């Protein structure tokens, strides 16, 4: 059980005088950090999520902002307002040179989250559910007839 909880990034939390065991996910939000230029240390960044396809960040220090959101290529970094500019750096994850106090947004590309893609994914889920249901019904009929 311990190996499974580590694999799924779960943490065991005991409640009600140790009579109930609850598991909570330790990976609630993606990792957002600014890597300082001189020291190379990562400084956490406060994140707001105004929509499911948008994160807004304000880094506390100058450096290279890195957002570990995936899948890679689906997200882009856009400046909103602030003291400095945002210089986008190419890489597998959205990253940019950013000044302290600059407000930036990590936005999902519109083509990836388009209505057609979501409709196609929903149709595939419905087809899989129907196939599973029909397979289950076919198995049940064989048992009754035998």
N, C-alpha and C. Protein backbone atom coordinates (compact mmCIF):
# COMPACT_ATOMS: atom_id res chain seq x y z
N UNK A 1 0.82 -1.19 0.00
CA UNK A 1 0.00 0.00 0.00
C UNK A 1 0.87 1.26 0.00
N UNK A 2 1.99 1.22 0.70
CA UNK A 2 2.87 2.39 0.78
C UNK A 2 3.45 2.73 -0.59
N UNK A 3 3.82 1.71 -1.36
CA UNK A 3 4.38 1.97 -2.69
C UNK A 3 3.33 2.60 -3.61
N UNK A 4 2.10 2.14 -3.50
CA UNK A 4 1.02 2.71 -4.32
C UNK A 4 0.76 4.16 -3.97
N UNK A 5 0.75 4.50 -2.69
CA UNK A 5 0.51 5.89 -2.30
C UNK A 5 1.64 6.80 -2.76
N UNK A 6 2.88 6.30 -2.76
CA UNK A 6 4.00 7.10 -3.27
C UNK A 6 3.88 7.29 -4.77
N UNK A 7 3.48 6.25 -5.49
CA UNK A 7 3.33 6.33 -6.93
C UNK A 7 2.25 7.32 -7.33
N UNK A 8 1.17 7.36 -6.60
CA UNK A 8 0.05 8.24 -6.92
C UNK A 8 0.18 9.62 -6.27
N UNK A 9 1.31 9.90 -5.64
CA UNK A 9 1.54 11.18 -4.95
C UNK A 9 0.47 11.47 -3.91
N UNK A 10 0.16 10.48 -3.09
CA UNK A 10 -0.84 10.65 -2.05
C UNK A 10 -0.16 10.74 -0.69
N UNK A 11 -0.78 11.46 0.21
CA UNK A 11 -0.27 11.59 1.57
C UNK A 11 -1.35 11.10 2.52
N UNK A 12 -0.96 10.29 3.49
CA UNK A 12 -1.91 9.73 4.45
C UNK A 12 -2.19 10.74 5.55
N UNK A 13 -3.46 11.03 5.78
CA UNK A 13 -3.88 11.97 6.82
C UNK A 13 -4.86 11.23 7.72
N UNK A 14 -4.57 11.20 9.02
CA UNK A 14 -5.45 10.50 9.95
C UNK A 14 -6.41 11.50 10.57
N UNK A 15 -7.63 11.06 10.79
CA UNK A 15 -8.63 11.93 11.38
C UNK A 15 -9.49 11.19 12.37
N UNK A 16 -10.28 11.90 13.15
CA UNK A 16 -11.19 11.33 14.14
C UNK A 16 -10.49 10.35 15.07
N UNK A 17 -9.47 10.83 15.75
CA UNK A 17 -8.71 10.02 16.72
C UNK A 17 -8.15 8.74 16.10
N UNK A 18 -7.62 8.86 14.92
CA UNK A 18 -6.99 7.76 14.18
C UNK A 18 -7.95 6.64 13.79
N UNK A 19 -9.23 6.91 13.79
CA UNK A 19 -10.18 5.87 13.38
C UNK A 19 -10.49 5.94 11.89
N UNK A 20 -10.18 7.05 11.24
CA UNK A 20 -10.44 7.21 9.81
C UNK A 20 -9.13 7.61 9.14
N UNK A 21 -8.82 6.97 8.03
CA UNK A 21 -7.64 7.32 7.26
C UNK A 21 -8.09 7.96 5.96
N UNK A 22 -7.56 9.13 5.69
CA UNK A 22 -7.91 9.88 4.48
C UNK A 22 -6.62 10.10 3.71
N UNK A 23 -6.71 10.01 2.38
CA UNK A 23 -5.55 10.28 1.54
C UNK A 23 -5.81 11.58 0.78
N UNK A 24 -4.78 12.44 0.72
CA UNK A 24 -4.92 13.66 -0.06
C UNK A 24 -3.80 13.72 -1.08
N UNK A 25 -4.09 14.35 -2.20
CA UNK A 25 -3.14 14.47 -3.29
C UNK A 25 -2.15 15.58 -2.97
N UNK A 26 -0.87 15.27 -3.02
CA UNK A 26 0.16 16.27 -2.72
C UNK A 26 0.48 17.15 -3.92
N UNK A 27 0.03 16.77 -5.11
CA UNK A 27 0.28 17.55 -6.32
C UNK A 27 -1.00 18.27 -6.70
N UNK A 28 -1.31 19.34 -5.98
CA UNK A 28 -2.56 20.07 -6.22
C UNK A 28 -2.44 21.07 -7.35
N UNK A 29 -1.33 21.70 -7.48
CA UNK A 29 -1.11 22.71 -8.51
C UNK A 29 0.19 22.41 -9.25
N UNK A 30 0.30 22.83 -10.51
CA UNK A 30 1.57 22.65 -11.21
C UNK A 30 2.67 23.50 -10.57
N UNK A 31 3.90 23.15 -10.84
CA UNK A 31 5.04 23.85 -10.24
C UNK A 31 5.30 25.14 -11.03
N UNK A 32 5.30 26.25 -10.32
CA UNK A 32 5.64 27.55 -10.90
C UNK A 32 6.78 28.12 -10.07
N UNK A 33 7.87 28.51 -10.72
CA UNK A 33 9.01 29.04 -9.98
C UNK A 33 9.81 30.00 -10.84
N UNK A 34 10.54 30.89 -10.17
CA UNK A 34 11.49 31.78 -10.84
C UNK A 34 12.87 31.34 -10.41
N UNK A 35 13.74 31.06 -11.38
CA UNK A 35 15.12 30.67 -11.09
C UNK A 35 15.97 31.93 -11.12
N UNK A 36 16.62 32.22 -10.00
CA UNK A 36 17.45 33.43 -9.91
C UNK A 36 18.70 33.27 -10.78
N UNK A 37 19.15 34.39 -11.33
CA UNK A 37 20.29 34.36 -12.25
C UNK A 37 21.61 34.05 -11.55
N UNK A 38 21.89 34.71 -10.45
CA UNK A 38 23.19 34.56 -9.78
C UNK A 38 23.29 33.26 -9.00
N UNK A 39 22.31 32.96 -8.19
CA UNK A 39 22.40 31.81 -7.30
C UNK A 39 21.88 30.52 -7.92
N UNK A 40 20.98 30.62 -8.87
CA UNK A 40 20.39 29.43 -9.47
C UNK A 40 19.33 28.78 -8.61
N UNK A 41 18.95 29.43 -7.52
CA UNK A 41 17.92 28.86 -6.64
C UNK A 41 16.53 29.17 -7.18
N UNK A 42 15.59 28.29 -6.92
CA UNK A 42 14.21 28.46 -7.38
C UNK A 42 13.39 29.13 -6.29
N UNK A 43 12.66 30.17 -6.66
CA UNK A 43 11.81 30.91 -5.74
C UNK A 43 10.36 30.64 -6.14
N UNK A 44 9.50 30.18 -5.22
CA UNK A 44 8.11 29.91 -5.57
C UNK A 44 7.37 31.18 -5.99
N UNK A 45 6.39 31.01 -6.86
CA UNK A 45 5.61 32.12 -7.39
C UNK A 45 4.15 31.92 -7.01
N UNK A 46 3.50 32.99 -6.56
CA UNK A 46 2.07 32.93 -6.25
C UNK A 46 1.29 32.81 -7.56
N UNK A 47 0.28 31.93 -7.56
CA UNK A 47 -0.48 31.65 -8.77
C UNK A 47 -1.96 31.89 -8.51
N UNK A 48 -2.61 32.59 -9.44
CA UNK A 48 -4.07 32.73 -9.42
C UNK A 48 -4.59 32.00 -10.65
N UNK A 49 -5.76 31.40 -10.52
CA UNK A 49 -6.33 30.67 -11.65
C UNK A 49 -7.73 31.22 -11.94
N UNK A 50 -7.84 32.27 -12.76
CA UNK A 50 -9.15 32.87 -13.04
C UNK A 50 -10.03 32.01 -13.95
N UNK A 51 -9.44 31.10 -14.73
CA UNK A 51 -10.20 30.21 -15.61
C UNK A 51 -9.45 28.89 -15.72
N UNK A 52 -10.14 27.86 -16.21
CA UNK A 52 -9.52 26.54 -16.28
C UNK A 52 -8.36 26.50 -17.27
N UNK A 53 -8.34 27.41 -18.24
CA UNK A 53 -7.30 27.42 -19.25
C UNK A 53 -6.35 28.61 -19.10
N UNK A 54 -6.27 29.19 -17.89
CA UNK A 54 -5.45 30.39 -17.69
C UNK A 54 -4.92 30.46 -16.26
N UNK A 55 -3.61 30.68 -16.12
CA UNK A 55 -2.97 30.95 -14.83
C UNK A 55 -2.40 32.36 -14.89
N UNK A 56 -2.49 33.10 -13.79
CA UNK A 56 -1.86 34.41 -13.71
C UNK A 56 -0.83 34.39 -12.59
N UNK A 57 0.37 34.91 -12.89
CA UNK A 57 1.48 34.86 -11.94
C UNK A 57 2.12 36.24 -11.79
N UNK A 58 2.67 36.50 -10.60
CA UNK A 58 3.45 37.71 -10.33
C UNK A 58 4.71 37.25 -9.60
N UNK A 59 5.86 37.19 -10.28
CA UNK A 59 7.09 36.72 -9.63
C UNK A 59 7.63 37.74 -8.64
N UNK A 60 8.14 37.29 -7.49
CA UNK A 60 8.67 38.21 -6.49
C UNK A 60 10.11 38.68 -6.77
N UNK A 61 10.84 38.00 -7.67
CA UNK A 61 12.24 38.35 -7.95
C UNK A 61 12.49 38.32 -9.46
N UNK A 62 13.60 38.96 -9.87
CA UNK A 62 14.02 38.89 -11.28
C UNK A 62 14.62 37.52 -11.55
N UNK A 63 14.43 37.03 -12.78
CA UNK A 63 15.03 35.76 -13.16
C UNK A 63 14.29 35.13 -14.31
N UNK A 64 14.47 33.83 -14.46
CA UNK A 64 13.81 33.08 -15.52
C UNK A 64 12.62 32.34 -14.92
N UNK A 65 11.42 32.70 -15.38
CA UNK A 65 10.20 32.06 -14.90
C UNK A 65 9.99 30.77 -15.67
N UNK A 66 9.70 29.68 -14.94
CA UNK A 66 9.42 28.39 -15.57
C UNK A 66 8.12 27.85 -15.03
N UNK A 67 7.24 27.43 -15.91
CA UNK A 67 5.97 26.83 -15.51
C UNK A 67 5.95 25.39 -16.00
N UNK A 68 5.81 24.45 -15.08
CA UNK A 68 5.78 23.04 -15.44
C UNK A 68 4.33 22.61 -15.63
N UNK A 69 3.72 23.09 -16.69
CA UNK A 69 2.37 22.67 -17.03
C UNK A 69 2.45 21.90 -18.33
N UNK A 70 1.62 20.94 -18.49
CA UNK A 70 1.71 20.10 -19.68
C UNK A 70 0.36 19.83 -20.26
N UNK A 71 0.31 19.20 -21.34
CA UNK A 71 1.40 18.73 -22.18
C UNK A 71 2.17 19.90 -22.81
N UNK A 72 3.43 19.64 -23.11
CA UNK A 72 4.27 20.72 -23.65
C UNK A 72 3.75 21.13 -25.02
N UNK A 73 3.84 22.42 -25.29
CA UNK A 73 3.36 22.95 -26.56
C UNK A 73 1.92 23.43 -26.53
N UNK A 74 1.20 23.13 -25.48
CA UNK A 74 -0.21 23.53 -25.39
C UNK A 74 -0.38 24.89 -24.73
N UNK A 75 0.64 25.37 -24.03
CA UNK A 75 0.53 26.60 -23.24
C UNK A 75 1.48 27.65 -23.77
N UNK A 76 1.10 28.93 -23.63
CA UNK A 76 1.97 30.04 -24.01
C UNK A 76 1.98 31.07 -22.89
N UNK A 77 3.03 31.87 -22.85
CA UNK A 77 3.20 32.88 -21.81
C UNK A 77 2.97 34.26 -22.41
N UNK A 78 2.10 35.05 -21.79
CA UNK A 78 1.76 36.38 -22.29
C UNK A 78 1.88 37.41 -21.17
N UNK A 79 2.48 38.58 -21.45
CA UNK A 79 2.53 39.63 -20.43
C UNK A 79 1.17 40.29 -20.25
N UNK A 80 0.86 40.72 -19.03
CA UNK A 80 -0.39 41.45 -18.77
C UNK A 80 -0.07 42.90 -18.46
N UNK A 81 0.69 43.11 -17.40
CA UNK A 81 1.08 44.45 -17.00
C UNK A 81 2.22 44.34 -16.00
N UNK A 82 2.85 45.46 -15.67
CA UNK A 82 3.87 45.41 -14.63
C UNK A 82 5.06 46.28 -14.93
N UNK A 83 6.10 46.10 -14.13
CA UNK A 83 7.28 46.95 -14.20
C UNK A 83 8.17 46.61 -15.39
N UNK A 84 8.25 45.37 -15.76
CA UNK A 84 9.18 44.96 -16.82
C UNK A 84 8.49 44.24 -17.95
N UNK A 85 9.32 43.81 -18.89
CA UNK A 85 8.79 43.08 -20.03
C UNK A 85 9.01 41.58 -19.84
N UNK A 86 8.37 40.81 -20.71
CA UNK A 86 8.49 39.36 -20.68
C UNK A 86 9.16 38.93 -21.97
N UNK A 87 10.36 38.33 -21.88
CA UNK A 87 11.07 37.82 -23.04
C UNK A 87 10.93 36.30 -23.05
N UNK A 88 10.16 35.77 -23.97
CA UNK A 88 9.88 34.33 -24.02
C UNK A 88 11.13 33.58 -24.46
N UNK A 89 11.44 32.48 -23.75
CA UNK A 89 12.58 31.62 -24.05
C UNK A 89 12.03 30.30 -24.60
N UNK A 90 12.59 29.83 -25.71
CA UNK A 90 12.13 28.58 -26.31
C UNK A 90 12.51 27.39 -25.44
N UNK A 91 11.62 26.41 -25.37
CA UNK A 91 11.88 25.21 -24.59
C UNK A 91 10.64 24.34 -24.52
N UNK A 92 10.74 23.19 -23.86
CA UNK A 92 9.59 22.28 -23.79
C UNK A 92 8.45 22.81 -22.93
N UNK A 93 8.75 23.68 -21.95
CA UNK A 93 7.73 24.26 -21.10
C UNK A 93 7.76 25.77 -21.24
N UNK A 94 6.62 26.45 -20.95
CA UNK A 94 6.63 27.91 -21.03
C UNK A 94 7.66 28.50 -20.06
N UNK A 95 8.59 29.28 -20.58
CA UNK A 95 9.57 29.95 -19.73
C UNK A 95 9.90 31.29 -20.35
N UNK A 96 10.31 32.24 -19.49
CA UNK A 96 10.60 33.59 -19.97
C UNK A 96 11.49 34.31 -18.98
N UNK A 97 12.27 35.26 -19.48
CA UNK A 97 13.02 36.18 -18.63
C UNK A 97 12.00 37.20 -18.17
N UNK A 98 11.91 37.41 -16.87
CA UNK A 98 10.85 38.25 -16.34
C UNK A 98 11.37 39.07 -15.16
N UNK A 99 10.89 40.30 -15.05
CA UNK A 99 11.29 41.19 -13.96
C UNK A 99 10.33 41.02 -12.79
N UNK A 100 10.82 41.33 -11.60
CA UNK A 100 9.98 41.23 -10.40
C UNK A 100 8.79 42.17 -10.52
N UNK A 101 7.62 41.69 -10.14
CA UNK A 101 6.41 42.51 -10.15
C UNK A 101 5.66 42.53 -11.47
N UNK A 102 6.23 41.92 -12.52
CA UNK A 102 5.55 41.87 -13.81
C UNK A 102 4.46 40.82 -13.75
N UNK A 103 3.26 41.20 -14.13
CA UNK A 103 2.13 40.27 -14.12
C UNK A 103 2.07 39.59 -15.49
N UNK A 104 2.06 38.25 -15.48
CA UNK A 104 2.03 37.48 -16.73
C UNK A 104 0.96 36.40 -16.64
N UNK A 105 0.51 35.94 -17.80
CA UNK A 105 -0.51 34.89 -17.85
C UNK A 105 0.01 33.71 -18.66
N UNK A 106 -0.29 32.52 -18.18
CA UNK A 106 -0.01 31.29 -18.92
C UNK A 106 -1.35 30.84 -19.47
N UNK A 107 -1.47 30.84 -20.80
CA UNK A 107 -2.75 30.62 -21.46
C UNK A 107 -2.67 29.37 -22.33
N UNK A 108 -3.72 28.55 -22.30
CA UNK A 108 -3.78 27.38 -23.17
C UNK A 108 -4.12 27.84 -24.58
N UNK A 109 -3.44 27.27 -25.57
CA UNK A 109 -3.70 27.63 -26.96
C UNK A 109 -5.14 27.30 -27.33
N UNK A 110 -5.78 28.18 -28.09
CA UNK A 110 -7.20 28.03 -28.43
C UNK A 110 -7.45 26.81 -29.30
N UNK A 111 -6.50 26.47 -30.18
CA UNK A 111 -6.71 25.33 -31.07
C UNK A 111 -6.76 24.01 -30.30
N UNK A 112 -5.97 23.92 -29.23
CA UNK A 112 -5.91 22.68 -28.45
C UNK A 112 -7.20 22.48 -27.68
N UNK A 113 -7.74 23.54 -27.10
CA UNK A 113 -8.95 23.43 -26.31
C UNK A 113 -10.20 23.77 -27.10
N UNK A 114 -10.17 23.58 -28.41
CA UNK A 114 -11.29 23.99 -29.24
C UNK A 114 -12.51 23.10 -29.02
N UNK A 115 -13.64 23.60 -29.44
CA UNK A 115 -14.91 22.89 -29.28
C UNK A 115 -14.91 21.57 -30.05
N UNK A 116 -14.30 21.54 -31.23
CA UNK A 116 -14.26 20.31 -32.02
C UNK A 116 -13.50 19.20 -31.33
N UNK A 117 -12.38 19.54 -30.71
CA UNK A 117 -11.58 18.54 -30.01
C UNK A 117 -12.36 17.98 -28.83
N UNK A 118 -13.00 18.86 -28.06
CA UNK A 118 -13.78 18.40 -26.90
C UNK A 118 -14.97 17.55 -27.35
N UNK A 119 -15.62 17.92 -28.45
CA UNK A 119 -16.74 17.13 -28.96
C UNK A 119 -16.27 15.74 -29.38
N UNK A 120 -15.13 15.68 -30.07
CA UNK A 120 -14.59 14.39 -30.51
C UNK A 120 -14.23 13.52 -29.31
N UNK A 121 -13.62 14.11 -28.28
CA UNK A 121 -13.28 13.35 -27.08
C UNK A 121 -14.53 12.84 -26.38
N UNK A 122 -15.57 13.64 -26.31
CA UNK A 122 -16.83 13.21 -25.69
C UNK A 122 -17.46 12.07 -26.47
N UNK A 123 -17.42 12.14 -27.79
CA UNK A 123 -17.99 11.07 -28.62
C UNK A 123 -17.23 9.76 -28.41
N UNK A 124 -15.91 9.83 -28.29
CA UNK A 124 -15.12 8.62 -28.05
C UNK A 124 -15.47 8.01 -26.70
N UNK A 125 -15.66 8.83 -25.68
CA UNK A 125 -16.05 8.33 -24.36
C UNK A 125 -17.39 7.63 -24.43
N UNK A 126 -18.36 8.21 -25.14
CA UNK A 126 -19.69 7.60 -25.27
C UNK A 126 -19.59 6.26 -25.99
N UNK A 127 -18.81 6.18 -27.06
CA UNK A 127 -18.65 4.93 -27.80
C UNK A 127 -18.02 3.85 -26.92
N UNK A 128 -17.01 4.21 -26.15
CA UNK A 128 -16.36 3.24 -25.25
C UNK A 128 -17.34 2.76 -24.19
N UNK A 129 -18.13 3.66 -23.63
CA UNK A 129 -19.13 3.26 -22.63
C UNK A 129 -20.18 2.32 -23.22
N UNK A 130 -20.65 2.62 -24.42
CA UNK A 130 -21.63 1.74 -25.07
C UNK A 130 -21.02 0.36 -25.36
N UNK A 131 -19.80 0.32 -25.86
CA UNK A 131 -19.16 -0.96 -26.14
C UNK A 131 -18.99 -1.78 -24.87
N UNK A 132 -18.61 -1.13 -23.79
CA UNK A 132 -18.47 -1.83 -22.51
C UNK A 132 -19.81 -2.35 -22.03
N UNK A 133 -20.84 -1.55 -22.16
CA UNK A 133 -22.17 -1.97 -21.74
C UNK A 133 -22.66 -3.16 -22.56
N UNK A 134 -22.48 -3.09 -23.89
CA UNK A 134 -22.93 -4.20 -24.74
C UNK A 134 -22.15 -5.47 -24.44
N UNK A 135 -20.87 -5.37 -24.16
CA UNK A 135 -20.08 -6.55 -23.82
C UNK A 135 -20.57 -7.17 -22.52
N UNK A 136 -20.93 -6.34 -21.57
CA UNK A 136 -21.43 -6.82 -20.29
C UNK A 136 -22.79 -7.51 -20.46
N UNK A 137 -23.68 -6.94 -21.27
CA UNK A 137 -25.00 -7.53 -21.51
C UNK A 137 -24.86 -8.86 -22.24
N UNK A 138 -23.96 -8.94 -23.22
CA UNK A 138 -23.75 -10.19 -23.95
C UNK A 138 -23.25 -11.31 -23.05
N UNK A 139 -22.40 -10.99 -22.11
CA UNK A 139 -21.90 -11.98 -21.16
C UNK A 139 -23.02 -12.46 -20.24
N UNK A 140 -23.88 -11.55 -19.82
CA UNK A 140 -24.99 -11.90 -18.93
C UNK A 140 -25.99 -12.83 -19.60
N UNK A 141 -26.24 -12.64 -20.89
CA UNK A 141 -27.18 -13.50 -21.61
C UNK A 141 -26.65 -14.93 -21.73
N UNK A 142 -25.36 -15.07 -21.95
CA UNK A 142 -24.78 -16.41 -22.06
C UNK A 142 -24.92 -17.18 -20.76
N UNK A 143 -24.79 -16.52 -19.64
CA UNK A 143 -24.92 -17.20 -18.35
C UNK A 143 -26.35 -17.66 -18.11
N UNK A 144 -27.34 -16.86 -18.48
CA UNK A 144 -28.74 -17.21 -18.26
C UNK A 144 -29.14 -18.38 -19.15
N UNK A 145 -28.70 -18.39 -20.40
CA UNK A 145 -29.07 -19.44 -21.34
C UNK A 145 -28.38 -20.76 -21.03
N UNK A 146 -27.21 -20.75 -20.46
CA UNK A 146 -26.44 -21.98 -20.25
C UNK A 146 -26.97 -22.79 -19.14
